[in-house]
PDB file of N, CA and C in Angstrom:
ATOM      1  N   MET A   1      30.016 -86.300-178.871  1.00  0.00           N
ATOM      2  CA  MET A   1      29.953 -85.048-179.069  1.00  0.00           C
ATOM      3  C   MET A   1      30.697 -84.576-180.195  1.00  0.00           C
ATOM      4  N   SER A   2      30.123 -83.409-180.664  1.00  0.00           N
ATOM      5  CA  SER A   2      30.882 -82.813-181.987  1.00  0.00           C
ATOM      6  C   SER A   2      32.264 -82.164-181.595  1.00  0.00           C
ATOM      7  N   GLU A   3      32.890 -81.890-182.512  1.00  0.00           N
ATOM      8  CA  GLU A   3      34.282 -81.331-182.358  1.00  0.00           C
ATOM      9  C   GLU A   3      34.109 -79.898-182.250  1.00  0.00           C
ATOM     10  N   ILE A   4      35.122 -79.293-181.256  1.00  0.00           N
ATOM     11  CA  ILE A   4      34.936 -77.950-181.072  1.00  0.00           C
ATOM     12  C   ILE A   4      35.835 -77.286-182.058  1.00  0.00           C
ATOM     13  N   LYS A   5      35.239 -76.400-182.817  1.00  0.00           N
ATOM     14  CA  LYS A   5      36.019 -75.619-183.862  1.00  0.00           C
ATOM     15  C   LYS A   5      36.300 -74.164-183.458  1.00  0.00           C
ATOM     16  N   PRO A   6      37.418 -73.578-183.899  1.00  0.00           N
ATOM     17  CA  PRO A   6      37.436 -72.098-183.453  1.00  0.00           C
ATOM     18  C   PRO A   6      36.691 -71.352-184.541  1.00  0.00           C
ATOM     19  N   PRO A   7      36.414 -70.201-183.787  1.00  0.00           N
ATOM     20  CA  PRO A   7      35.603 -69.259-184.808  1.00  0.00           C
ATOM     21  C   PRO A   7      36.568 -68.872-185.933  1.00  0.00           C
ATOM     22  N   ALA A   8      35.763 -68.447-187.011  1.00  0.00           N
ATOM     23  CA  ALA A   8      36.507 -68.314-188.528  1.00  0.00           C
ATOM     24  C   ALA A   8      37.263 -67.053-188.314  1.00  0.00           C
ATOM     25  N   GLY A   9      38.429 -67.090-188.859  1.00  0.00           N
ATOM     26  CA  GLY A   9      39.303 -65.897-188.710  1.00  0.00           C
ATOM     27  C   GLY A   9      40.033 -65.759-187.383  1.00  0.00           C
ATOM     28  N   SER A  10      39.933 -66.883-186.492  1.00  0.00           N
ATOM     29  CA  SER A  10      40.606 -66.721-185.175  1.00  0.00           C
ATOM     30  C   SER A  10      42.061 -67.386-185.225  1.00  0.00           C
ATOM     31  N   ARG A  11      42.898 -66.647-184.633  1.00  0.00           N
ATOM     32  CA  ARG A  11      44.373 -66.909-184.639  1.00  0.00           C
ATOM     33  C   ARG A  11      44.555 -68.372-183.773  1.00  0.00           C
ATOM     34  N   PHE A  12      43.679 -68.547-182.884  1.00  0.00           N
ATOM     35  CA  PHE A  12      43.930 -69.553-181.885  1.00  0.00           C
ATOM     36  C   PHE A  12      43.381 -70.830-182.293  1.00  0.00           C
ATOM     37  N   THR A  13      43.891 -72.013-181.949  1.00  0.00           N
ATOM     38  CA  THR A  13      43.654 -73.352-182.336  1.00  0.00           C
ATOM     39  C   THR A  13      43.091 -74.115-181.247  1.00  0.00           C
ATOM     40  N   VAL A  14      42.224 -74.817-181.387  1.00  0.00           N
ATOM     41  CA  VAL A  14      41.586 -75.690-180.290  1.00  0.00           C
ATOM     42  C   VAL A  14      42.180 -77.107-180.436  1.00  0.00           C
ATOM     43  N   ASN A  15      42.680 -77.704-179.398  1.00  0.00           N
ATOM     44  CA  ASN A  15      42.997 -79.124-179.372  1.00  0.00           C
ATOM     45  C   ASN A  15      41.671 -79.897-178.983  1.00  0.00           C
ATOM     46  N   PRO A  16      41.070 -80.707-179.983  1.00  0.00           N
ATOM     47  CA  PRO A  16      39.891 -81.378-179.849  1.00  0.00           C
ATOM     48  C   PRO A  16      39.870 -82.230-178.570  1.00  0.00           C
ATOM     49  N   THR A  17      40.774 -82.934-178.004  1.00  0.00           N
ATOM     50  CA  THR A  17      40.907 -83.713-176.924  1.00  0.00           C
ATOM     51  C   THR A  17      40.914 -82.835-175.504  1.00  0.00           C
ATOM     52  N   ILE A  18      41.448 -81.710-175.540  1.00  0.00           N
ATOM     53  CA  ILE A  18      41.379 -80.535-174.275  1.00  0.00           C
ATOM     54  C   ILE A  18      39.833 -80.205-174.299  1.00  0.00           C
ATOM     55  N   GLY A  19      39.452 -79.813-175.454  1.00  0.00           N
ATOM     56  CA  GLY A  19      38.134 -79.349-175.402  1.00  0.00           C
ATOM     57  C   GLY A  19      37.048 -80.330-175.072  1.00  0.00           C
ATOM     58  N   GLN A  20      37.297 -81.574-175.441  1.00  0.00           N
ATOM     59  CA  GLN A  20      36.233 -82.765-175.112  1.00  0.00           C
ATOM     60  C   GLN A  20      36.359 -82.861-173.544  1.00  0.00           C
ATOM     61  N   SER A  21      37.657 -83.001-172.891  1.00  0.00           N
ATOM     62  CA  SER A  21      37.760 -83.308-171.582  1.00  0.00           C
ATOM     63  C   SER A  21      37.152 -82.094-170.678  1.00  0.00           C
ATOM     64  N   MET A  22      37.350 -80.818-171.134  1.00  0.00           N
ATOM     65  CA  MET A  22      36.805 -79.809-170.515  1.00  0.00           C
ATOM     66  C   MET A  22      35.323 -79.863-170.656  1.00  0.00           C
ATOM     67  N   ALA A  23      34.540 -80.106-171.577  1.00  0.00           N
ATOM     68  CA  ALA A  23      33.366 -80.332-171.724  1.00  0.00           C
ATOM     69  C   ALA A  23      32.846 -81.508-170.833  1.00  0.00           C
ATOM     70  N   ASP A  24      33.478 -82.675-170.591  1.00  0.00           N
ATOM     71  CA  ASP A  24      33.208 -83.573-169.866  1.00  0.00           C
ATOM     72  C   ASP A  24      33.351 -83.315-168.441  1.00  0.00           C
ATOM     73  N   ALA A  25      34.240 -82.604-168.190  1.00  0.00           N
ATOM     74  CA  ALA A  25      34.537 -82.109-166.648  1.00  0.00           C
ATOM     75  C   ALA A  25      33.365 -81.169-166.253  1.00  0.00           C
ATOM     76  N   SER A  26      32.926 -80.307-167.169  1.00  0.00           N
ATOM     77  CA  SER A  26      31.857 -79.300-166.846  1.00  0.00           C
ATOM     78  C   SER A  26      30.341 -80.074-166.689  1.00  0.00           C
ATOM     79  N   THR A  27      30.424 -81.091-167.657  1.00  0.00           N
ATOM     80  CA  THR A  27      29.084 -81.838-167.720  1.00  0.00           C
ATOM     81  C   THR A  27      29.149 -82.701-166.279  1.00  0.00           C
ATOM     82  N   ARG A  28      30.157 -83.307-165.828  1.00  0.00           N
ATOM     83  CA  ARG A  28      30.080 -84.027-164.732  1.00  0.00           C
ATOM     84  C   ARG A  28      29.911 -83.080-163.542  1.00  0.00           C
ATOM     85  N   HIS A  29      30.301 -81.850-163.517  1.00  0.00           N
ATOM     86  CA  HIS A  29      30.404 -80.875-162.563  1.00  0.00           C
ATOM     87  C   HIS A  29      28.833 -80.659-162.494  1.00  0.00           C
ATOM     88  N   GLU A  30      28.122 -80.119-163.505  1.00  0.00           N
ATOM     89  CA  GLU A  30      26.849 -79.932-163.584  1.00  0.00           C
ATOM     90  C   GLU A  30      25.994 -81.026-163.164  1.00  0.00           C
ATOM     91  N   LEU A  31      26.345 -82.341-163.510  1.00  0.00           N
ATOM     92  CA  LEU A  31      25.463 -83.414-163.169  1.00  0.00           C
ATOM     93  C   LEU A  31      25.548 -83.525-161.672  1.00  0.00           C
ATOM     94  N   ALA A  32      26.861 -83.448-160.906  1.00  0.00           N
ATOM     95  CA  ALA A  32      26.973 -83.479-159.582  1.00  0.00           C
ATOM     96  C   ALA A  32      25.980 -82.318-158.923  1.00  0.00           C
ATOM     97  N   ALA A  33      26.174 -81.281-159.435  1.00  0.00           N
ATOM     98  CA  ALA A  33      25.204 -80.137-158.881  1.00  0.00           C
ATOM     99  C   ALA A  33      23.676 -80.435-158.770  1.00  0.00           C
ATOM    100  N   LEU A  34      23.191 -80.930-160.005  1.00  0.00           N
ATOM    101  CA  LEU A  34      21.853 -81.060-160.215  1.00  0.00           C
ATOM    102  C   LEU A  34      21.498 -82.514-159.306  1.00  0.00           C
ATOM    103  N   THR A  35      22.474 -83.469-158.961  1.00  0.00           N
ATOM    104  CA  THR A  35      22.181 -84.581-157.920  1.00  0.00           C
ATOM    105  C   THR A  35      22.075 -84.117-156.594  1.00  0.00           C
ATOM    106  N   ARG A  36      22.918 -83.059-156.244  1.00  0.00           N
ATOM    107  CA  ARG A  36      22.911 -82.575-154.940  1.00  0.00           C
ATOM    108  C   ARG A  36      21.666 -81.819-154.765  1.00  0.00           C
ATOM    109  N   GLU A  37      21.004 -80.906-155.710  1.00  0.00           N
ATOM    110  CA  GLU A  37      19.841 -80.487-155.478  1.00  0.00           C
ATOM    111  C   GLU A  37      18.671 -81.323-155.489  1.00  0.00           C
ATOM    112  N   LEU A  38      18.726 -82.300-156.218  1.00  0.00           N
ATOM    113  CA  LEU A  38      17.580 -83.382-156.312  1.00  0.00           C
ATOM    114  C   LEU A  38      17.670 -84.000-154.962  1.00  0.00           C
ATOM    115  N   ARG A  39      18.596 -84.461-154.251  1.00  0.00           N
ATOM    116  CA  ARG A  39      18.728 -84.861-152.913  1.00  0.00           C
ATOM    117  C   ARG A  39      18.106 -84.002-151.906  1.00  0.00           C
ATOM    118  N   GLU A  40      18.522 -82.684-152.140  1.00  0.00           N
ATOM    119  CA  GLU A  40      17.943 -81.730-151.091  1.00  0.00           C
ATOM    120  C   GLU A  40      16.467 -81.449-151.334  1.00  0.00           C
ATOM    121  N   LEU A  41      15.979 -81.743-152.511  1.00  0.00           N
ATOM    122  CA  LEU A  41      14.597 -81.525-152.741  1.00  0.00           C
ATOM    123  C   LEU A  41      13.798 -82.673-152.097  1.00  0.00           C
ATOM    124  N   LEU A  42      14.318 -83.849-152.548  1.00  0.00           N
ATOM    125  CA  LEU A  42      13.680 -85.034-151.871  1.00  0.00           C
ATOM    126  C   LEU A  42      13.644 -84.990-150.242  1.00  0.00           C
ATOM    127  N   SER A  43      14.693 -84.645-149.706  1.00  0.00           N
ATOM    128  CA  SER A  43      14.858 -84.667-148.423  1.00  0.00           C
ATOM    129  C   SER A  43      13.683 -83.594-147.805  1.00  0.00           C
ATOM    130  N   GLN A  44      13.528 -82.539-148.675  1.00  0.00           N
ATOM    131  CA  GLN A  44      12.546 -81.336-148.064  1.00  0.00           C
ATOM    132  C   GLN A  44      11.247 -82.065-148.182  1.00  0.00           C
ATOM    133  N   ILE A  45      10.916 -82.683-149.166  1.00  0.00           N
ATOM    134  CA  ILE A  45       9.509 -83.367-149.576  1.00  0.00           C
ATOM    135  C   ILE A  45       9.330 -84.277-148.320  1.00  0.00           C
ATOM    136  N   GLU A  46      10.324 -85.272-147.964  1.00  0.00           N
ATOM    137  CA  GLU A  46      10.305 -86.182-147.025  1.00  0.00           C
ATOM    138  C   GLU A  46       9.894 -85.537-145.677  1.00  0.00           C
ATOM    139  N   ASN A  47      10.631 -84.284-145.130  1.00  0.00           N
ATOM    140  CA  ASN A  47      10.494 -83.792-144.102  1.00  0.00           C
ATOM    141  C   ASN A  47       8.985 -83.189-144.153  1.00  0.00           C
ATOM    142  N   LYS A  48       8.384 -82.612-145.187  1.00  0.00           N
ATOM    143  CA  LYS A  48       7.161 -81.949-145.215  1.00  0.00           C
ATOM    144  C   LYS A  48       6.285 -83.034-145.014  1.00  0.00           C
ATOM    145  N   ASP A  49       6.243 -84.159-145.615  1.00  0.00           N
ATOM    146  CA  ASP A  49       5.246 -85.366-145.475  1.00  0.00           C
ATOM    147  C   ASP A  49       5.454 -85.768-144.081  1.00  0.00           C
ATOM    148  N   SER A  50       6.513 -85.865-143.385  1.00  0.00           N
ATOM    149  CA  SER A  50       6.536 -86.457-142.021  1.00  0.00           C
ATOM    150  C   SER A  50       5.937 -85.366-141.160  1.00  0.00           C
ATOM    151  N   GLY A  51       6.068 -84.049-141.629  1.00  0.00           N
ATOM    152  CA  GLY A  51       5.497 -83.029-140.666  1.00  0.00           C
ATOM    153  C   GLY A  51       3.976 -82.882-140.730  1.00  0.00           C
ATOM    154  N   GLN A  52       3.458 -83.288-142.052  1.00  0.00           N
ATOM    155  CA  GLN A  52       2.039 -83.297-142.246  1.00  0.00           C
ATOM    156  C   GLN A  52       1.519 -84.387-141.275  1.00  0.00           C
ATOM    157  N   SER A  53       1.996 -85.504-141.359  1.00  0.00           N
ATOM    158  CA  SER A  53       1.721 -86.691-140.548  1.00  0.00           C
ATOM    159  C   SER A  53       1.607 -86.425-139.102  1.00  0.00           C
ATOM    160  N   ARG A  54       2.628 -85.709-138.564  1.00  0.00           N
ATOM    161  CA  ARG A  54       2.934 -85.424-137.328  1.00  0.00           C
ATOM    162  C   ARG A  54       1.662 -84.409-136.987  1.00  0.00           C
ATOM    163  N   ARG A  55       1.373 -83.513-137.864  1.00  0.00           N
ATOM    164  CA  ARG A  55       0.358 -82.537-137.534  1.00  0.00           C
ATOM    165  C   ARG A  55      -1.104 -83.144-137.553  1.00  0.00           C
ATOM    166  N   ALA A  56      -1.218 -84.081-138.431  1.00  0.00           N
ATOM    167  CA  ALA A  56      -2.427 -84.774-138.549  1.00  0.00           C
ATOM    168  C   ALA A  56      -2.651 -85.718-137.255  1.00  0.00           C
ATOM    169  N   SER A  57      -1.615 -86.293-136.576  1.00  0.00           N
ATOM    170  CA  SER A  57      -1.699 -87.064-135.489  1.00  0.00           C
ATOM    171  C   SER A  57      -1.900 -86.332-134.328  1.00  0.00           C
ATOM    172  N   MET A  58      -1.377 -85.138-134.295  1.00  0.00           N
ATOM    173  CA  MET A  58      -1.664 -84.108-133.083  1.00  0.00           C
ATOM    174  C   MET A  58      -3.068 -83.461-133.311  1.00  0.00           C
ATOM    175  N   MET A  59      -3.525 -83.293-134.409  1.00  0.00           N
ATOM    176  CA  MET A  59      -4.851 -82.729-134.583  1.00  0.00           C
ATOM    177  C   MET A  59      -5.976 -83.706-134.221  1.00  0.00           C
ATOM    178  N   ALA A  60      -5.886 -84.949-134.311  1.00  0.00           N
ATOM    179  CA  ALA A  60      -7.078 -85.732-134.059  1.00  0.00           C
ATOM    180  C   ALA A  60      -7.485 -85.615-132.501  1.00  0.00           C
ATOM    181  N   PRO A  61      -6.521 -85.767-131.681  1.00  0.00           N
ATOM    182  CA  PRO A  61      -7.036 -85.625-130.169  1.00  0.00           C
ATOM    183  C   PRO A  61      -7.778 -84.222-129.817  1.00  0.00           C
ATOM    184  N   ILE A  62      -6.992 -83.193-130.556  1.00  0.00           N
ATOM    185  CA  ILE A  62      -7.545 -81.877-130.374  1.00  0.00           C
ATOM    186  C   ILE A  62      -9.174 -81.771-130.974  1.00  0.00           C
ATOM    187  N   ALA A  63      -9.187 -82.200-132.157  1.00  0.00           N
ATOM    188  CA  ALA A  63     -10.580 -82.134-132.790  1.00  0.00           C
ATOM    189  C   ALA A  63     -11.554 -83.082-131.953  1.00  0.00           C
ATOM    190  N   ALA A  64     -11.022 -84.191-131.370  1.00  0.00           N
ATOM    191  CA  ALA A  64     -11.928 -84.900-130.364  1.00  0.00           C
ATOM    192  C   ALA A  64     -12.576 -84.161-129.171  1.00  0.00           C
ATOM    193  N   MET A  65     -11.475 -83.523-128.589  1.00  0.00           N
ATOM    194  CA  MET A  65     -11.718 -82.672-127.468  1.00  0.00           C
ATOM    195  C   MET A  65     -12.668 -81.528-127.836  1.00  0.00           C
ATOM    196  N   ASN A  66     -12.347 -80.875-128.884  1.00  0.00           N
ATOM    197  CA  ASN A  66     -13.378 -79.774-129.437  1.00  0.00           C
ATOM    198  C   ASN A  66     -14.677 -80.340-129.613  1.00  0.00           C
ATOM    199  N   ALA A  67     -14.876 -81.428-130.159  1.00  0.00           N
ATOM    200  CA  ALA A  67     -16.147 -82.013-130.540  1.00  0.00           C
ATOM    201  C   ALA A  67     -16.855 -82.336-129.283  1.00  0.00           C
ATOM    202  N   ALA A  68     -16.048 -82.858-128.057  1.00  0.00           N
ATOM    203  CA  ALA A  68     -16.758 -83.253-126.946  1.00  0.00           C
ATOM    204  C   ALA A  68     -17.102 -81.813-126.047  1.00  0.00           C
ATOM    205  N   LEU A  69     -16.208 -80.805-126.276  1.00  0.00           N
ATOM    206  CA  LEU A  69     -16.702 -79.613-125.532  1.00  0.00           C
ATOM    207  C   LEU A  69     -17.819 -79.019-126.084  1.00  0.00           C
ATOM    208  N   GLY A  70     -18.097 -79.187-127.654  1.00  0.00           N
ATOM    209  CA  GLY A  70     -19.175 -78.714-128.130  1.00  0.00           C
ATOM    210  C   GLY A  70     -20.347 -79.302-127.668  1.00  0.00           C
ATOM    211  N   ARG A  71     -20.356 -80.644-127.601  1.00  0.00           N
ATOM    212  CA  ARG A  71     -21.398 -81.355-127.102  1.00  0.00           C
ATOM    213  C   ARG A  71     -21.807 -81.102-125.673  1.00  0.00           C
ATOM    214  N   ASP A  72     -20.781 -80.686-124.704  1.00  0.00           N
ATOM    215  CA  ASP A  72     -20.863 -80.516-123.338  1.00  0.00           C
ATOM    216  C   ASP A  72     -21.523 -79.210-123.246  1.00  0.00           C
ATOM    217  N   LEU A  73     -21.043 -78.242-124.236  1.00  0.00           N
ATOM    218  CA  LEU A  73     -21.813 -76.767-124.048  1.00  0.00           C
ATOM    219  C   LEU A  73     -23.225 -76.740-124.474  1.00  0.00           C
ATOM    220  N   SER A  74     -23.456 -77.655-125.484  1.00  0.00           N
ATOM    221  CA  SER A  74     -24.824 -77.596-126.017  1.00  0.00           C
ATOM    222  C   SER A  74     -25.610 -78.178-124.956  1.00  0.00           C
ATOM    223  N   ASP A  75     -25.080 -79.303-124.297  1.00  0.00           N
ATOM    224  CA  ASP A  75     -26.062 -79.956-123.148  1.00  0.00           C
ATOM    225  C   ASP A  75     -26.253 -78.937-122.076  1.00  0.00           C
ATOM    226  N   ALA A  76     -25.181 -78.116-121.730  1.00  0.00           N
ATOM    227  CA  ALA A  76     -25.360 -77.244-120.571  1.00  0.00           C
ATOM    228  C   ALA A  76     -26.242 -75.990-121.027  1.00  0.00           C
ATOM    229  N   GLU A  77     -26.230 -75.755-122.165  1.00  0.00           N
ATOM    230  CA  GLU A  77     -27.127 -74.640-122.726  1.00  0.00           C
ATOM    231  C   GLU A  77     -28.579 -75.219-122.468  1.00  0.00           C
ATOM    232  N   LEU A  78     -28.773 -76.356-122.865  1.00  0.00           N
ATOM    233  CA  LEU A  78     -30.297 -77.096-122.939  1.00  0.00           C
ATOM    234  C   LEU A  78     -30.609 -77.057-121.247  1.00  0.00           C
ATOM    235  N   ARG A  79     -29.803 -77.425-120.488  1.00  0.00           N
ATOM    236  CA  ARG A  79     -30.180 -77.401-119.173  1.00  0.00           C
ATOM    237  C   ARG A  79     -30.614 -76.008-118.448  1.00  0.00           C
ATOM    238  N   VAL A  80     -29.631 -75.082-118.864  1.00  0.00           N
ATOM    239  CA  VAL A  80     -30.014 -73.678-118.634  1.00  0.00           C
ATOM    240  C   VAL A  80     -31.118 -73.192-119.043  1.00  0.00           C
ATOM    241  N   GLU A  81     -31.436 -73.375-120.208  1.00  0.00           N
ATOM    242  CA  GLU A  81     -32.829 -73.093-120.869  1.00  0.00           C
ATOM    243  C   GLU A  81     -33.887 -73.709-120.156  1.00  0.00           C
ATOM    244  N   GLN A  82     -33.702 -74.985-119.783  1.00  0.00           N
ATOM    245  CA  GLN A  82     -35.006 -75.634-119.214  1.00  0.00           C
ATOM    246  C   GLN A  82     -34.974 -74.960-117.574  1.00  0.00           C
ATOM    247  N   LEU A  83     -34.129 -74.737-116.945  1.00  0.00           N
ATOM    248  CA  LEU A  83     -34.121 -74.094-115.564  1.00  0.00           C
ATOM    249  C   LEU A  83     -34.826 -72.706-115.722  1.00  0.00           C
ATOM    250  N   ILE A  84     -34.420 -72.036-116.868  1.00  0.00           N
ATOM    251  CA  ILE A  84     -35.255 -70.598-116.995  1.00  0.00           C
ATOM    252  C   ILE A  84     -36.539 -70.710-117.175  1.00  0.00           C
ATOM    253  N   ARG A  85     -37.098 -71.657-118.080  1.00  0.00           N
ATOM    254  CA  ARG A  85     -38.221 -71.960-118.511  1.00  0.00           C
ATOM    255  C   ARG A  85     -39.240 -72.606-117.389  1.00  0.00           C
ATOM    256  N   SER A  86     -38.586 -73.452-116.438  1.00  0.00           N
ATOM    257  CA  SER A  86     -39.436 -73.845-115.356  1.00  0.00           C
ATOM    258  C   SER A  86     -39.447 -72.803-114.304  1.00  0.00           C
ATOM    259  N   ARG A  87     -38.490 -71.877-114.095  1.00  0.00           N
ATOM    260  CA  ARG A  87     -38.522 -70.696-113.071  1.00  0.00           C
ATOM    261  C   ARG A  87     -38.349 -69.314-113.655  1.00  0.00           C
ATOM    262  N   PRO A  88     -38.995 -68.805-114.365  1.00  0.00           N
ATOM    263  CA  PRO A  88     -38.841 -67.572-115.049  1.00  0.00           C
ATOM    264  C   PRO A  88     -38.587 -66.393-114.300  1.00  0.00           C
ATOM    265  N   VAL A  89     -39.364 -66.529-112.985  1.00  0.00           N
ATOM    266  CA  VAL A  89     -39.424 -65.161-112.031  1.00  0.00           C
ATOM    267  C   VAL A  89     -37.938 -65.221-111.406  1.00  0.00           C
ATOM    268  N   THR A  90     -37.621 -66.442-110.979  1.00  0.00           N
ATOM    269  CA  THR A  90     -36.444 -66.616-110.276  1.00  0.00           C
ATOM    270  C   THR A  90     -35.140 -66.225-111.229  1.00  0.00           C
ATOM    271  N   ALA A  91     -35.187 -66.771-112.546  1.00  0.00           N
ATOM    272  CA  ALA A  91     -34.302 -66.403-113.206  1.00  0.00           C
ATOM    273  C   ALA A  91     -34.069 -65.005-113.617  1.00  0.00           C
ATOM    274  N   ALA A  92     -35.182 -64.210-113.545  1.00  0.00           N
ATOM    275  CA  ALA A  92     -35.002 -62.747-114.013  1.00  0.00           C
ATOM    276  C   ALA A  92     -34.421 -62.035-112.730  1.00  0.00           C
ATOM    277  N   VAL A  93     -34.983 -62.470-111.618  1.00  0.00           N
ATOM    278  CA  VAL A  93     -34.392 -61.795-110.336  1.00  0.00           C
ATOM    279  C   VAL A  93     -32.897 -62.045-110.227  1.00  0.00           C
ATOM    280  N   SER A  94     -32.538 -63.484-110.506  1.00  0.00           N
ATOM    281  CA  SER A  94     -31.147 -63.698-110.487  1.00  0.00           C
ATOM    282  C   SER A  94     -30.262 -62.933-111.492  1.00  0.00           C
ATOM    283  N   ALA A  95     -30.778 -62.638-112.638  1.00  0.00           N
ATOM    284  CA  ALA A  95     -29.994 -61.864-113.685  1.00  0.00           C
ATOM    285  C   ALA A  95     -29.946 -60.570-113.178  1.00  0.00           C
ATOM    286  N   PHE A  96     -31.187 -59.899-112.518  1.00  0.00           N
ATOM    287  CA  PHE A  96     -30.929 -58.563-112.032  1.00  0.00           C
ATOM    288  C   PHE A  96     -29.978 -58.348-111.082  1.00  0.00           C
ATOM    289  N   ALA A  97     -30.082 -59.437-110.199  1.00  0.00           N
ATOM    290  CA  ALA A  97     -28.897 -59.181-108.941  1.00  0.00           C
ATOM    291  C   ALA A  97     -27.515 -59.298-109.484  1.00  0.00           C
ATOM    292  N   ILE A  98     -27.346 -60.244-110.424  1.00  0.00           N
ATOM    293  CA  ILE A  98     -25.953 -60.411-111.179  1.00  0.00           C
ATOM    294  C   ILE A  98     -25.539 -59.162-111.632  1.00  0.00           C
ATOM    295  N   GLY A  99     -26.471 -58.591-112.344  1.00  0.00           N
ATOM    296  CA  GLY A  99     -26.200 -57.167-113.178  1.00  0.00           C
ATOM    297  C   GLY A  99     -25.737 -56.075-112.181  1.00  0.00           C
ATOM    298  N   ILE A 100     -26.529 -56.127-110.882  1.00  0.00           N
ATOM    299  CA  ILE A 100     -26.285 -54.995-109.845  1.00  0.00           C
ATOM    300  C   ILE A 100     -24.824 -55.238-109.377  1.00  0.00           C
ATOM    301  N   ALA A 101     -24.473 -56.586-108.896  1.00  0.00           N
ATOM    302  CA  ALA A 101     -23.291 -56.988-108.442  1.00  0.00           C
ATOM    303  C   ALA A 101     -21.966 -56.420-109.323  1.00  0.00           C
ATOM    304  N   VAL A 102     -22.217 -56.793-110.704  1.00  0.00           N
ATOM    305  CA  VAL A 102     -21.202 -56.492-111.673  1.00  0.00           C
ATOM    306  C   VAL A 102     -20.954 -55.181-111.935  1.00  0.00           C
ATOM    307  N   GLY A 103     -22.246 -54.365-111.961  1.00  0.00           N
ATOM    308  CA  GLY A 103     -22.028 -52.797-111.960  1.00  0.00           C
ATOM    309  C   GLY A 103     -21.293 -52.385-110.884  1.00  0.00           C
ATOM    310  N   LEU A 104     -21.605 -52.792-109.640  1.00  0.00           N
ATOM    311  CA  LEU A 104     -20.766 -52.251-108.257  1.00  0.00           C
ATOM    312  C   LEU A 104     -19.401 -52.614-108.482  1.00  0.00           C
ATOM    313  N   LEU A 105     -19.088 -53.834-109.027  1.00  0.00           N
ATOM    314  CA  LEU A 105     -17.598 -54.013-109.016  1.00  0.00           C
ATOM    315  C   LEU A 105     -17.086 -53.256-109.964  1.00  0.00           C
ATOM    316  N   LEU A 106     -17.612 -53.163-111.106  1.00  0.00           N
ATOM    317  CA  LEU A 106     -16.889 -52.118-112.258  1.00  0.00           C
ATOM    318  C   LEU A 106     -16.726 -50.840-111.736  1.00  0.00           C
ATOM    319  N   ARG A 107     -17.796 -50.118-111.072  1.00  0.00           N
ATOM    320  CA  ARG A 107     -17.676 -48.895-110.567  1.00  0.00           C
ATOM    321  C   ARG A 107     -16.656 -48.635-109.548  1.00  0.00           C
ATOM    322  N   ARG A 108     -16.140 -49.685-108.722  1.00  0.00           N
ATOM    323  CA  ARG A 108     -15.111 -49.632-107.738  1.00  0.00           C
ATOM    324  C   ARG A 108     -13.714 -49.519-108.512  1.00  0.00           C
ATOM    325  N   THR A 109     -13.608 -50.033-109.527  1.00  0.00           N
ATOM    326  CA  THR A 109     -12.397 -50.105-110.278  1.00  0.00           C
ATOM    327  C   THR A 109     -12.108 -49.008-111.120  1.00  0.00           C
TER     328      THR A 109
END
């Protein structure tokens, strides 16, 4: 490091060894602070990575259940469509009766 010199025209003198040790102490303090911050950041990154893997492991069964539910609903939709096509009059009368029943229930409340 370079020697610390007092400003021109100053009445104060600087002892180079005291100035050097102060610079070393502040550098050590700064280095320690940076090391702490780096440890905290690395810890946060590790926590984030473990959280993402935990979320991914939790999402896999949910996605599988969602896909199975979608297949079951599309199968049920096909069966209902086949029933309606095979008996259109019965389906229309049933829909009319259900509409009347729902209307009566809503009127009472």
